[in-house]
N, C-alpha and C. Protein backbone atom coordinates (compact mmCIF):
# COMPACT_ATOMS: atom_id res chain seq x y z
N MET A 1 22.76 35.38 26.17
CA MET A 1 21.95 36.20 27.04
C MET A 1 21.50 35.35 28.22
N HIS A 2 21.64 35.88 29.42
CA HIS A 2 21.29 35.17 30.64
C HIS A 2 19.88 35.56 31.05
N GLN A 3 19.01 34.56 31.25
CA GLN A 3 17.65 34.82 31.70
C GLN A 3 17.40 34.00 32.95
N PRO A 4 16.98 34.65 34.05
CA PRO A 4 16.72 33.89 35.28
C PRO A 4 15.63 32.85 35.07
N ILE A 5 15.74 31.76 35.79
CA ILE A 5 14.79 30.67 35.65
C ILE A 5 13.39 31.10 36.09
N LEU A 6 13.30 31.87 37.13
CA LEU A 6 12.01 32.23 37.68
C LEU A 6 11.49 33.57 37.20
N SER A 7 12.05 34.11 36.13
CA SER A 7 11.62 35.42 35.65
C SER A 7 10.28 35.31 34.96
N ASP A 8 9.34 36.17 35.34
CA ASP A 8 8.04 36.23 34.69
C ASP A 8 8.01 37.35 33.66
N ASP A 9 9.05 38.16 33.62
CA ASP A 9 9.08 39.29 32.71
C ASP A 9 9.66 38.88 31.37
N ASN A 10 9.13 39.47 30.33
CA ASN A 10 9.66 39.24 28.99
C ASN A 10 10.46 40.44 28.51
N ASN A 11 10.84 41.31 29.40
CA ASN A 11 11.57 42.51 29.07
C ASN A 11 13.05 42.20 28.98
N GLU A 12 13.64 42.36 27.78
CA GLU A 12 15.04 42.00 27.59
C GLU A 12 15.98 42.98 28.26
N GLU A 13 15.53 44.23 28.48
CA GLU A 13 16.40 45.20 29.12
C GLU A 13 16.74 44.78 30.54
N ASP A 14 15.79 44.21 31.25
CA ASP A 14 16.04 43.76 32.62
C ASP A 14 16.98 42.57 32.66
N ASP A 15 16.96 41.72 31.62
CA ASP A 15 17.80 40.54 31.61
C ASP A 15 19.27 40.86 31.37
N ASN A 16 19.56 42.04 30.81
CA ASN A 16 20.94 42.39 30.51
C ASN A 16 21.57 43.23 31.59
N LYS A 17 20.90 43.45 32.70
CA LYS A 17 21.48 44.22 33.79
C LYS A 17 22.64 43.46 34.39
N THR A 18 23.71 44.16 34.68
CA THR A 18 24.86 43.53 35.33
C THR A 18 25.33 44.45 36.45
N GLY A 19 25.96 43.85 37.40
CA GLY A 19 26.55 44.61 38.48
C GLY A 19 28.06 44.63 38.30
N GLU A 20 28.63 45.82 38.21
CA GLU A 20 30.06 45.91 38.01
C GLU A 20 30.76 45.90 39.35
N VAL A 21 31.78 45.09 39.45
CA VAL A 21 32.56 44.97 40.67
C VAL A 21 34.02 45.14 40.29
N GLU A 22 34.73 45.93 41.06
CA GLU A 22 36.15 46.10 40.79
C GLU A 22 36.93 45.10 41.63
N GLU A 23 37.81 44.36 41.00
CA GLU A 23 38.66 43.41 41.69
C GLU A 23 40.11 43.79 41.47
N GLU A 24 40.93 43.54 42.47
CA GLU A 24 42.34 43.81 42.36
C GLU A 24 43.09 42.53 42.11
N ASP A 25 43.89 42.50 41.03
CA ASP A 25 44.66 41.31 40.69
C ASP A 25 46.10 41.75 40.46
N GLN A 26 46.99 41.45 41.36
CA GLN A 26 48.41 41.79 41.30
C GLN A 26 48.62 43.28 41.07
N GLY A 27 47.91 44.09 41.83
CA GLY A 27 48.09 45.52 41.76
C GLY A 27 47.29 46.20 40.66
N GLN A 28 46.66 45.46 39.78
CA GLN A 28 45.86 46.05 38.71
C GLN A 28 44.38 45.91 39.07
N VAL A 29 43.63 46.96 38.75
CA VAL A 29 42.20 46.96 39.02
C VAL A 29 41.48 46.57 37.74
N LYS A 30 40.62 45.54 37.85
CA LYS A 30 39.85 45.07 36.70
C LYS A 30 38.37 45.27 36.98
N ASN A 31 37.62 45.60 35.98
CA ASN A 31 36.16 45.66 36.10
C ASN A 31 35.61 44.31 35.69
N VAL A 32 34.94 43.66 36.61
CA VAL A 32 34.34 42.37 36.35
C VAL A 32 32.83 42.53 36.45
N GLN A 33 32.12 42.00 35.46
CA GLN A 33 30.68 42.13 35.45
C GLN A 33 30.04 40.81 35.88
N HIS A 34 29.17 40.90 36.87
CA HIS A 34 28.42 39.74 37.35
C HIS A 34 26.95 39.96 37.02
N PRO A 35 26.27 38.93 36.53
CA PRO A 35 24.84 39.12 36.22
C PRO A 35 24.03 39.31 37.49
N VAL A 36 23.08 40.21 37.44
CA VAL A 36 22.17 40.45 38.54
C VAL A 36 20.89 39.69 38.24
N THR A 37 20.52 38.78 39.12
CA THR A 37 19.32 37.99 38.90
C THR A 37 18.20 38.47 39.80
N LYS A 38 16.99 38.39 39.26
CA LYS A 38 15.82 38.74 40.05
C LYS A 38 15.22 37.46 40.58
N GLY A 39 14.34 37.58 41.55
CA GLY A 39 13.65 36.40 42.06
C GLY A 39 14.10 36.06 43.47
N TYR A 40 13.81 34.87 43.89
CA TYR A 40 14.16 34.43 45.23
C TYR A 40 14.98 33.15 45.11
N PHE A 41 15.52 32.71 46.23
CA PHE A 41 16.40 31.55 46.23
C PHE A 41 15.55 30.28 46.22
N LEU A 42 15.47 29.68 45.08
CA LEU A 42 14.65 28.48 44.90
C LEU A 42 15.27 27.28 45.60
N GLU A 43 16.60 27.23 45.62
CA GLU A 43 17.27 26.06 46.19
C GLU A 43 16.95 25.87 47.66
N PHE A 44 16.95 26.96 48.42
CA PHE A 44 16.65 26.86 49.85
C PHE A 44 15.22 26.40 50.08
N ALA A 45 14.30 26.93 49.29
CA ALA A 45 12.90 26.51 49.42
C ALA A 45 12.73 25.04 49.07
N LEU A 46 13.44 24.57 48.07
CA LEU A 46 13.36 23.15 47.70
C LEU A 46 13.96 22.24 48.76
N ILE A 47 15.04 22.66 49.38
CA ILE A 47 15.64 21.86 50.46
C ILE A 47 14.65 21.75 51.62
N CYS A 48 14.03 22.86 51.98
CA CYS A 48 13.03 22.83 53.05
C CYS A 48 11.84 21.95 52.66
N LEU A 49 11.47 22.01 51.40
CA LEU A 49 10.35 21.22 50.92
C LEU A 49 10.65 19.73 50.98
N PHE A 50 11.82 19.33 50.50
CA PHE A 50 12.21 17.91 50.56
C PHE A 50 12.32 17.44 52.00
N PHE A 51 12.92 18.26 52.85
CA PHE A 51 13.05 17.91 54.26
C PHE A 51 11.68 17.76 54.91
N GLY A 52 10.80 18.72 54.63
CA GLY A 52 9.46 18.68 55.20
C GLY A 52 8.62 17.54 54.68
N ASN A 53 8.90 17.08 53.48
CA ASN A 53 8.14 15.97 52.91
C ASN A 53 8.67 14.62 53.38
N ASN A 54 9.98 14.48 53.47
CA ASN A 54 10.56 13.18 53.81
C ASN A 54 10.61 12.90 55.31
N LEU A 55 10.72 13.91 56.12
CA LEU A 55 10.81 13.70 57.56
C LEU A 55 9.57 13.03 58.14
N PRO A 56 8.37 13.49 57.84
CA PRO A 56 7.21 12.88 58.50
C PRO A 56 6.71 11.59 57.84
N SER A 57 7.31 11.13 56.75
CA SER A 57 6.75 9.98 56.04
C SER A 57 6.73 8.72 56.91
N THR A 58 7.83 8.38 57.56
CA THR A 58 7.86 7.21 58.43
C THR A 58 7.05 7.43 59.70
N LEU A 59 7.15 8.63 60.23
CA LEU A 59 6.38 8.94 61.43
C LEU A 59 4.89 8.89 61.15
N LEU A 60 4.51 9.31 59.96
CA LEU A 60 3.10 9.29 59.58
C LEU A 60 2.57 7.86 59.49
N GLN A 61 3.37 6.95 58.96
CA GLN A 61 2.96 5.55 58.90
C GLN A 61 2.73 4.98 60.29
N ASN A 62 3.63 5.29 61.22
CA ASN A 62 3.45 4.83 62.60
C ASN A 62 2.23 5.46 63.26
N GLN A 63 1.99 6.72 62.96
CA GLN A 63 0.82 7.41 63.53
C GLN A 63 -0.47 6.80 62.99
N ILE A 64 -0.51 6.50 61.69
CA ILE A 64 -1.71 5.88 61.12
C ILE A 64 -1.90 4.48 61.70
N LEU A 65 -0.81 3.75 61.93
CA LEU A 65 -0.89 2.43 62.56
C LEU A 65 -1.48 2.55 63.97
N LYS A 66 -1.02 3.54 64.71
CA LYS A 66 -1.52 3.74 66.08
C LYS A 66 -3.00 4.13 66.08
N LEU A 67 -3.40 5.03 65.17
CA LEU A 67 -4.81 5.43 65.10
C LEU A 67 -5.70 4.28 64.64
N THR A 68 -5.17 3.45 63.75
CA THR A 68 -5.94 2.27 63.32
C THR A 68 -6.13 1.32 64.49
N CYS A 69 -5.10 1.15 65.29
CA CYS A 69 -5.19 0.30 66.48
C CYS A 69 -6.23 0.86 67.45
N GLN A 70 -6.23 2.18 67.63
CA GLN A 70 -7.18 2.79 68.55
C GLN A 70 -8.62 2.72 68.04
N SER A 71 -8.78 2.60 66.73
CA SER A 71 -10.14 2.52 66.19
C SER A 71 -10.79 1.16 66.42
N PHE A 72 -9.96 0.16 66.72
CA PHE A 72 -10.49 -1.15 67.09
C PHE A 72 -10.81 -1.11 68.59
N ASP A 73 -11.97 -1.59 68.97
CA ASP A 73 -12.38 -1.54 70.38
C ASP A 73 -11.67 -2.58 71.23
N GLU A 74 -11.07 -3.57 70.62
CA GLU A 74 -10.46 -4.65 71.39
C GLU A 74 -9.07 -4.31 71.94
N TYR A 75 -8.49 -3.17 71.52
CA TYR A 75 -7.16 -2.80 71.99
C TYR A 75 -7.24 -1.55 72.86
N ASN A 76 -6.45 -1.54 73.94
CA ASN A 76 -6.43 -0.37 74.81
C ASN A 76 -5.26 0.53 74.41
N ASP A 77 -5.15 1.68 75.07
CA ASP A 77 -4.14 2.68 74.71
C ASP A 77 -2.71 2.17 74.94
N THR A 78 -2.48 1.42 75.99
CA THR A 78 -1.12 0.93 76.25
C THR A 78 -0.68 -0.05 75.17
N THR A 79 -1.58 -0.87 74.69
CA THR A 79 -1.25 -1.80 73.60
C THR A 79 -0.95 -1.03 72.32
N CYS A 80 -1.75 -0.02 72.02
CA CYS A 80 -1.53 0.76 70.81
C CYS A 80 -0.27 1.61 70.89
N ASN A 81 0.06 2.12 72.07
CA ASN A 81 1.30 2.89 72.23
C ASN A 81 2.53 2.00 72.14
N ALA A 82 2.40 0.73 72.46
CA ALA A 82 3.54 -0.20 72.40
C ALA A 82 3.88 -0.60 70.97
N LEU A 83 3.04 -0.27 70.00
CA LEU A 83 3.30 -0.63 68.61
C LEU A 83 4.56 0.03 68.05
N SER A 84 4.90 1.19 68.55
CA SER A 84 6.06 1.92 68.03
C SER A 84 7.39 1.49 68.65
N GLN A 85 7.39 0.46 69.50
CA GLN A 85 8.62 0.08 70.20
C GLN A 85 9.42 -1.01 69.51
N ASN A 86 8.96 -1.53 68.39
CA ASN A 86 9.68 -2.54 67.61
C ASN A 86 10.10 -3.77 68.42
N ASP A 87 9.19 -4.31 69.15
CA ASP A 87 9.49 -5.56 69.84
C ASP A 87 8.54 -6.65 69.32
N ASN A 88 8.84 -7.88 69.64
CA ASN A 88 8.07 -9.01 69.11
C ASN A 88 6.72 -9.20 69.78
N SER A 89 6.47 -8.52 70.87
CA SER A 89 5.22 -8.72 71.60
C SER A 89 4.01 -8.18 70.84
N THR A 90 4.22 -7.23 69.94
CA THR A 90 3.10 -6.64 69.21
C THR A 90 3.05 -7.07 67.75
N ARG A 91 3.84 -8.04 67.38
CA ARG A 91 3.90 -8.48 65.98
C ARG A 91 2.54 -8.98 65.48
N GLU A 92 1.83 -9.71 66.30
CA GLU A 92 0.53 -10.25 65.90
C GLU A 92 -0.48 -9.13 65.64
N ILE A 93 -0.47 -8.12 66.50
CA ILE A 93 -1.37 -6.98 66.32
C ILE A 93 -1.01 -6.21 65.05
N GLU A 94 0.27 -6.00 64.83
CA GLU A 94 0.72 -5.28 63.63
C GLU A 94 0.30 -6.01 62.36
N GLU A 95 0.43 -7.33 62.35
CA GLU A 95 0.04 -8.09 61.17
C GLU A 95 -1.46 -8.00 60.91
N LYS A 96 -2.23 -7.86 61.97
CA LYS A 96 -3.67 -7.72 61.80
C LYS A 96 -4.04 -6.33 61.29
N LEU A 97 -3.29 -5.31 61.71
CA LEU A 97 -3.61 -3.92 61.34
C LEU A 97 -3.00 -3.49 60.01
N GLN A 98 -1.96 -4.16 59.54
CA GLN A 98 -1.25 -3.74 58.33
C GLN A 98 -2.15 -3.63 57.09
N PRO A 99 -3.09 -4.54 56.83
CA PRO A 99 -3.94 -4.36 55.65
C PRO A 99 -4.75 -3.06 55.67
N PHE A 100 -5.22 -2.65 56.84
CA PHE A 100 -5.98 -1.41 56.96
C PHE A 100 -5.08 -0.20 56.72
N VAL A 101 -3.88 -0.24 57.30
CA VAL A 101 -2.92 0.86 57.13
C VAL A 101 -2.48 0.95 55.67
N ALA A 102 -2.23 -0.21 55.05
CA ALA A 102 -1.82 -0.21 53.65
C ALA A 102 -2.90 0.36 52.75
N GLU A 103 -4.16 0.11 53.08
CA GLU A 103 -5.26 0.66 52.29
C GLU A 103 -5.32 2.18 52.40
N ILE A 104 -5.10 2.71 53.58
CA ILE A 104 -5.11 4.16 53.77
C ILE A 104 -3.94 4.80 53.01
N LEU A 105 -2.74 4.24 53.16
CA LEU A 105 -1.57 4.79 52.49
C LEU A 105 -1.69 4.67 50.97
N MET A 106 -2.25 3.57 50.48
CA MET A 106 -2.43 3.39 49.05
C MET A 106 -3.44 4.41 48.50
N THR A 107 -4.51 4.66 49.24
CA THR A 107 -5.49 5.66 48.82
C THR A 107 -4.86 7.04 48.73
N ASN A 108 -4.07 7.40 49.73
CA ASN A 108 -3.39 8.69 49.71
C ASN A 108 -2.45 8.79 48.50
N ASN A 109 -1.71 7.74 48.25
CA ASN A 109 -0.74 7.73 47.15
C ASN A 109 -1.45 7.79 45.80
N LEU A 110 -2.53 7.03 45.64
CA LEU A 110 -3.27 7.05 44.38
C LEU A 110 -3.91 8.41 44.12
N MET A 111 -4.49 8.99 45.15
CA MET A 111 -5.09 10.32 44.99
C MET A 111 -4.03 11.33 44.56
N ASN A 112 -2.88 11.24 45.17
CA ASN A 112 -1.80 12.18 44.86
C ASN A 112 -1.29 11.99 43.44
N THR A 113 -1.05 10.78 43.01
CA THR A 113 -0.46 10.56 41.69
C THR A 113 -1.46 10.79 40.56
N ILE A 114 -2.68 10.32 40.71
CA ILE A 114 -3.66 10.47 39.62
C ILE A 114 -4.04 11.94 39.44
N THR A 115 -4.32 12.64 40.53
CA THR A 115 -4.69 14.04 40.43
C THR A 115 -3.54 14.87 39.91
N THR A 116 -2.32 14.57 40.32
CA THR A 116 -1.16 15.30 39.84
C THR A 116 -0.95 15.09 38.35
N ALA A 117 -1.15 13.86 37.87
CA ALA A 117 -1.00 13.59 36.45
C ALA A 117 -2.02 14.37 35.63
N ILE A 118 -3.24 14.46 36.12
CA ILE A 118 -4.27 15.22 35.41
C ILE A 118 -3.98 16.72 35.46
N LEU A 119 -3.57 17.21 36.64
CA LEU A 119 -3.27 18.64 36.77
C LEU A 119 -2.06 19.05 35.93
N SER A 120 -1.10 18.16 35.76
CA SER A 120 0.10 18.52 35.00
C SER A 120 -0.23 18.80 33.54
N LEU A 121 -1.31 18.24 33.03
CA LEU A 121 -1.73 18.54 31.66
C LEU A 121 -2.13 20.01 31.52
N PHE A 122 -2.63 20.61 32.59
CA PHE A 122 -3.09 21.99 32.53
C PHE A 122 -2.08 22.97 33.12
N LEU A 123 -1.33 22.56 34.15
CA LEU A 123 -0.40 23.47 34.81
C LEU A 123 0.84 23.75 33.96
N GLY A 124 1.26 22.79 33.15
CA GLY A 124 2.41 23.01 32.28
C GLY A 124 2.17 24.13 31.29
N PRO A 125 1.11 24.07 30.48
CA PRO A 125 0.82 25.18 29.56
C PRO A 125 0.52 26.50 30.28
N TYR A 126 -0.12 26.42 31.45
CA TYR A 126 -0.39 27.63 32.22
C TYR A 126 0.91 28.30 32.62
N SER A 127 1.89 27.53 33.07
CA SER A 127 3.15 28.12 33.49
C SER A 127 3.95 28.65 32.31
N ASP A 128 3.76 28.08 31.12
CA ASP A 128 4.43 28.61 29.94
C ASP A 128 3.91 29.99 29.58
N VAL A 129 2.63 30.22 29.79
CA VAL A 129 2.02 31.49 29.42
C VAL A 129 2.19 32.53 30.53
N PHE A 130 1.92 32.15 31.78
CA PHE A 130 1.87 33.11 32.87
C PHE A 130 3.08 33.07 33.80
N GLY A 131 4.01 32.21 33.57
CA GLY A 131 5.21 32.15 34.40
C GLY A 131 5.17 31.02 35.41
N ARG A 132 6.34 30.69 35.92
CA ARG A 132 6.48 29.54 36.83
C ARG A 132 6.33 29.91 38.30
N LYS A 133 6.51 31.18 38.62
CA LYS A 133 6.46 31.58 40.03
C LYS A 133 5.12 31.26 40.67
N LYS A 134 4.05 31.51 39.97
CA LYS A 134 2.73 31.28 40.54
C LYS A 134 2.51 29.80 40.82
N ILE A 135 2.94 28.95 39.92
CA ILE A 135 2.79 27.51 40.12
C ILE A 135 3.65 27.04 41.29
N LEU A 136 4.91 27.49 41.34
CA LEU A 136 5.80 27.09 42.44
C LEU A 136 5.28 27.58 43.78
N ASN A 137 4.82 28.82 43.82
CA ASN A 137 4.29 29.35 45.09
C ASN A 137 3.05 28.60 45.54
N SER A 138 2.16 28.26 44.61
CA SER A 138 0.97 27.51 45.01
C SER A 138 1.34 26.12 45.49
N THR A 139 2.32 25.49 44.85
CA THR A 139 2.77 24.17 45.29
C THR A 139 3.40 24.24 46.68
N PHE A 140 4.25 25.23 46.90
CA PHE A 140 4.86 25.39 48.22
C PHE A 140 3.81 25.65 49.29
N CYS A 141 2.81 26.46 48.98
CA CYS A 141 1.73 26.72 49.94
C CYS A 141 0.92 25.45 50.21
N GLY A 142 0.68 24.66 49.18
CA GLY A 142 -0.05 23.40 49.36
C GLY A 142 0.70 22.44 50.27
N PHE A 143 2.01 22.32 50.06
CA PHE A 143 2.80 21.45 50.94
C PHE A 143 2.82 21.97 52.36
N SER A 144 2.95 23.27 52.51
CA SER A 144 2.98 23.84 53.86
C SER A 144 1.66 23.61 54.59
N LEU A 145 0.54 23.79 53.89
CA LEU A 145 -0.77 23.54 54.51
C LEU A 145 -0.94 22.07 54.86
N THR A 146 -0.47 21.17 54.00
CA THR A 146 -0.56 19.74 54.30
C THR A 146 0.23 19.39 55.55
N LEU A 147 1.45 19.90 55.65
CA LEU A 147 2.26 19.62 56.85
C LEU A 147 1.64 20.24 58.10
N ALA A 148 1.05 21.42 57.96
CA ALA A 148 0.38 22.04 59.11
C ALA A 148 -0.82 21.20 59.54
N LEU A 149 -1.58 20.68 58.57
CA LEU A 149 -2.72 19.82 58.90
C LEU A 149 -2.26 18.52 59.55
N PHE A 150 -1.13 17.96 59.10
CA PHE A 150 -0.58 16.78 59.76
C PHE A 150 -0.32 17.07 61.23
N ALA A 151 0.29 18.21 61.50
CA ALA A 151 0.62 18.58 62.88
C ALA A 151 -0.65 18.76 63.72
N ILE A 152 -1.66 19.40 63.15
CA ILE A 152 -2.90 19.63 63.88
C ILE A 152 -3.63 18.32 64.17
N ILE A 153 -3.71 17.45 63.16
CA ILE A 153 -4.39 16.17 63.35
C ILE A 153 -3.64 15.31 64.36
N THR A 154 -2.32 15.33 64.30
CA THR A 154 -1.53 14.54 65.26
C THR A 154 -1.72 15.08 66.67
N TYR A 155 -1.74 16.39 66.83
CA TYR A 155 -1.95 16.98 68.15
C TYR A 155 -3.32 16.59 68.70
N ILE A 156 -4.35 16.67 67.87
CA ILE A 156 -5.69 16.31 68.32
C ILE A 156 -5.77 14.84 68.67
N SER A 157 -5.15 13.99 67.83
CA SER A 157 -5.24 12.54 68.08
C SER A 157 -4.46 12.12 69.32
N GLU A 158 -3.45 12.88 69.70
CA GLU A 158 -2.71 12.57 70.92
C GLU A 158 -3.50 12.93 72.17
N ASN A 159 -4.41 13.89 72.04
CA ASN A 159 -5.16 14.36 73.20
C ASN A 159 -6.54 13.75 73.35
N GLN A 160 -7.05 13.13 72.31
CA GLN A 160 -8.34 12.48 72.45
C GLN A 160 -8.40 11.23 71.58
N ARG A 161 -9.12 10.29 72.05
CA ARG A 161 -9.26 9.01 71.35
C ARG A 161 -10.47 9.07 70.42
N GLY A 162 -10.43 8.30 69.35
CA GLY A 162 -11.57 8.21 68.45
C GLY A 162 -11.38 8.94 67.13
N ILE A 163 -10.19 9.47 66.88
CA ILE A 163 -9.92 10.11 65.60
C ILE A 163 -9.68 9.00 64.57
N SER A 164 -10.35 9.10 63.45
CA SER A 164 -10.21 8.09 62.40
C SER A 164 -8.86 8.26 61.69
N PRO A 165 -8.19 7.16 61.35
CA PRO A 165 -6.94 7.28 60.60
C PRO A 165 -7.15 7.83 59.20
N TRP A 166 -8.38 7.79 58.69
CA TRP A 166 -8.68 8.34 57.39
C TRP A 166 -8.64 9.87 57.38
N THR A 167 -8.55 10.48 58.56
CA THR A 167 -8.46 11.94 58.65
C THR A 167 -7.20 12.45 57.96
N TYR A 168 -6.15 11.65 57.97
CA TYR A 168 -4.91 12.07 57.31
C TYR A 168 -5.09 12.17 55.80
N THR A 169 -6.07 11.49 55.26
CA THR A 169 -6.35 11.62 53.83
C THR A 169 -6.83 13.03 53.51
N LEU A 170 -7.61 13.63 54.41
CA LEU A 170 -8.06 15.01 54.21
C LEU A 170 -6.90 15.99 54.26
N ALA A 171 -5.87 15.67 55.05
CA ALA A 171 -4.72 16.56 55.15
C ALA A 171 -3.95 16.63 53.84
N TYR A 172 -4.06 15.61 53.01
CA TYR A 172 -3.35 15.62 51.72
C TYR A 172 -4.03 16.51 50.68
N LEU A 173 -5.26 16.94 50.91
CA LEU A 173 -5.99 17.70 49.89
C LEU A 173 -5.30 18.98 49.44
N PRO A 174 -4.77 19.83 50.32
CA PRO A 174 -4.08 21.03 49.82
C PRO A 174 -2.88 20.69 48.92
N GLN A 175 -2.13 19.67 49.29
CA GLN A 175 -1.00 19.25 48.48
C GLN A 175 -1.47 18.75 47.12
N ILE A 176 -2.51 17.96 47.10
CA ILE A 176 -3.02 17.38 45.86
C ILE A 176 -3.60 18.46 44.94
N LEU A 177 -4.39 19.36 45.50
CA LEU A 177 -5.05 20.37 44.69
C LEU A 177 -4.11 21.48 44.20
N SER A 178 -2.94 21.60 44.81
CA SER A 178 -2.00 22.63 44.39
C SER A 178 -0.95 22.11 43.40
N GLY A 179 -1.05 20.88 42.99
CA GLY A 179 -0.11 20.37 41.99
C GLY A 179 0.59 19.11 42.41
N GLY A 180 0.57 18.79 43.68
CA GLY A 180 1.12 17.53 44.15
C GLY A 180 2.63 17.45 44.12
N TRP A 181 3.11 16.27 44.38
CA TRP A 181 4.55 16.04 44.51
C TRP A 181 5.13 15.39 43.28
N TYR A 182 4.38 14.54 42.64
CA TYR A 182 4.93 13.73 41.56
C TYR A 182 4.82 14.47 40.29
């Protein structure tokens, strides 16, 4: 018996539905039955999710480095903007800022992994009883909100100086509270 992965129904009659298609093979007509599945295309959503999660990771590190540089009063905007050019002239500044950036990224990572580990104790049994669609949809919404907050914070930080690099930690909250990545 074929049961769709994302089915929340326990009705066996719906799981046995098939769509009959007539195919022609060397002049003979055959009835071929294909299973009809309910739900949505999970694969496309997962591809978008992986793309949306992996694309900004390196860019986010550079953005946090730039905001950390701007939070120090001794550096001006041209010096902080030059950090993303990968030349040796800013190596000394980068070495000074890296411990602060590493602390921010480590805090984000720890919050994500610890909270996700605790939530998985409750979300697993919940999905067994009430279905997986609700958990997947909440996780997808959490990731979408996190990426939208990244875009908003980046837009604001590009237009005005004085945004704390710790603001990106707040952007991770929807992702963390909806089940996280790990």
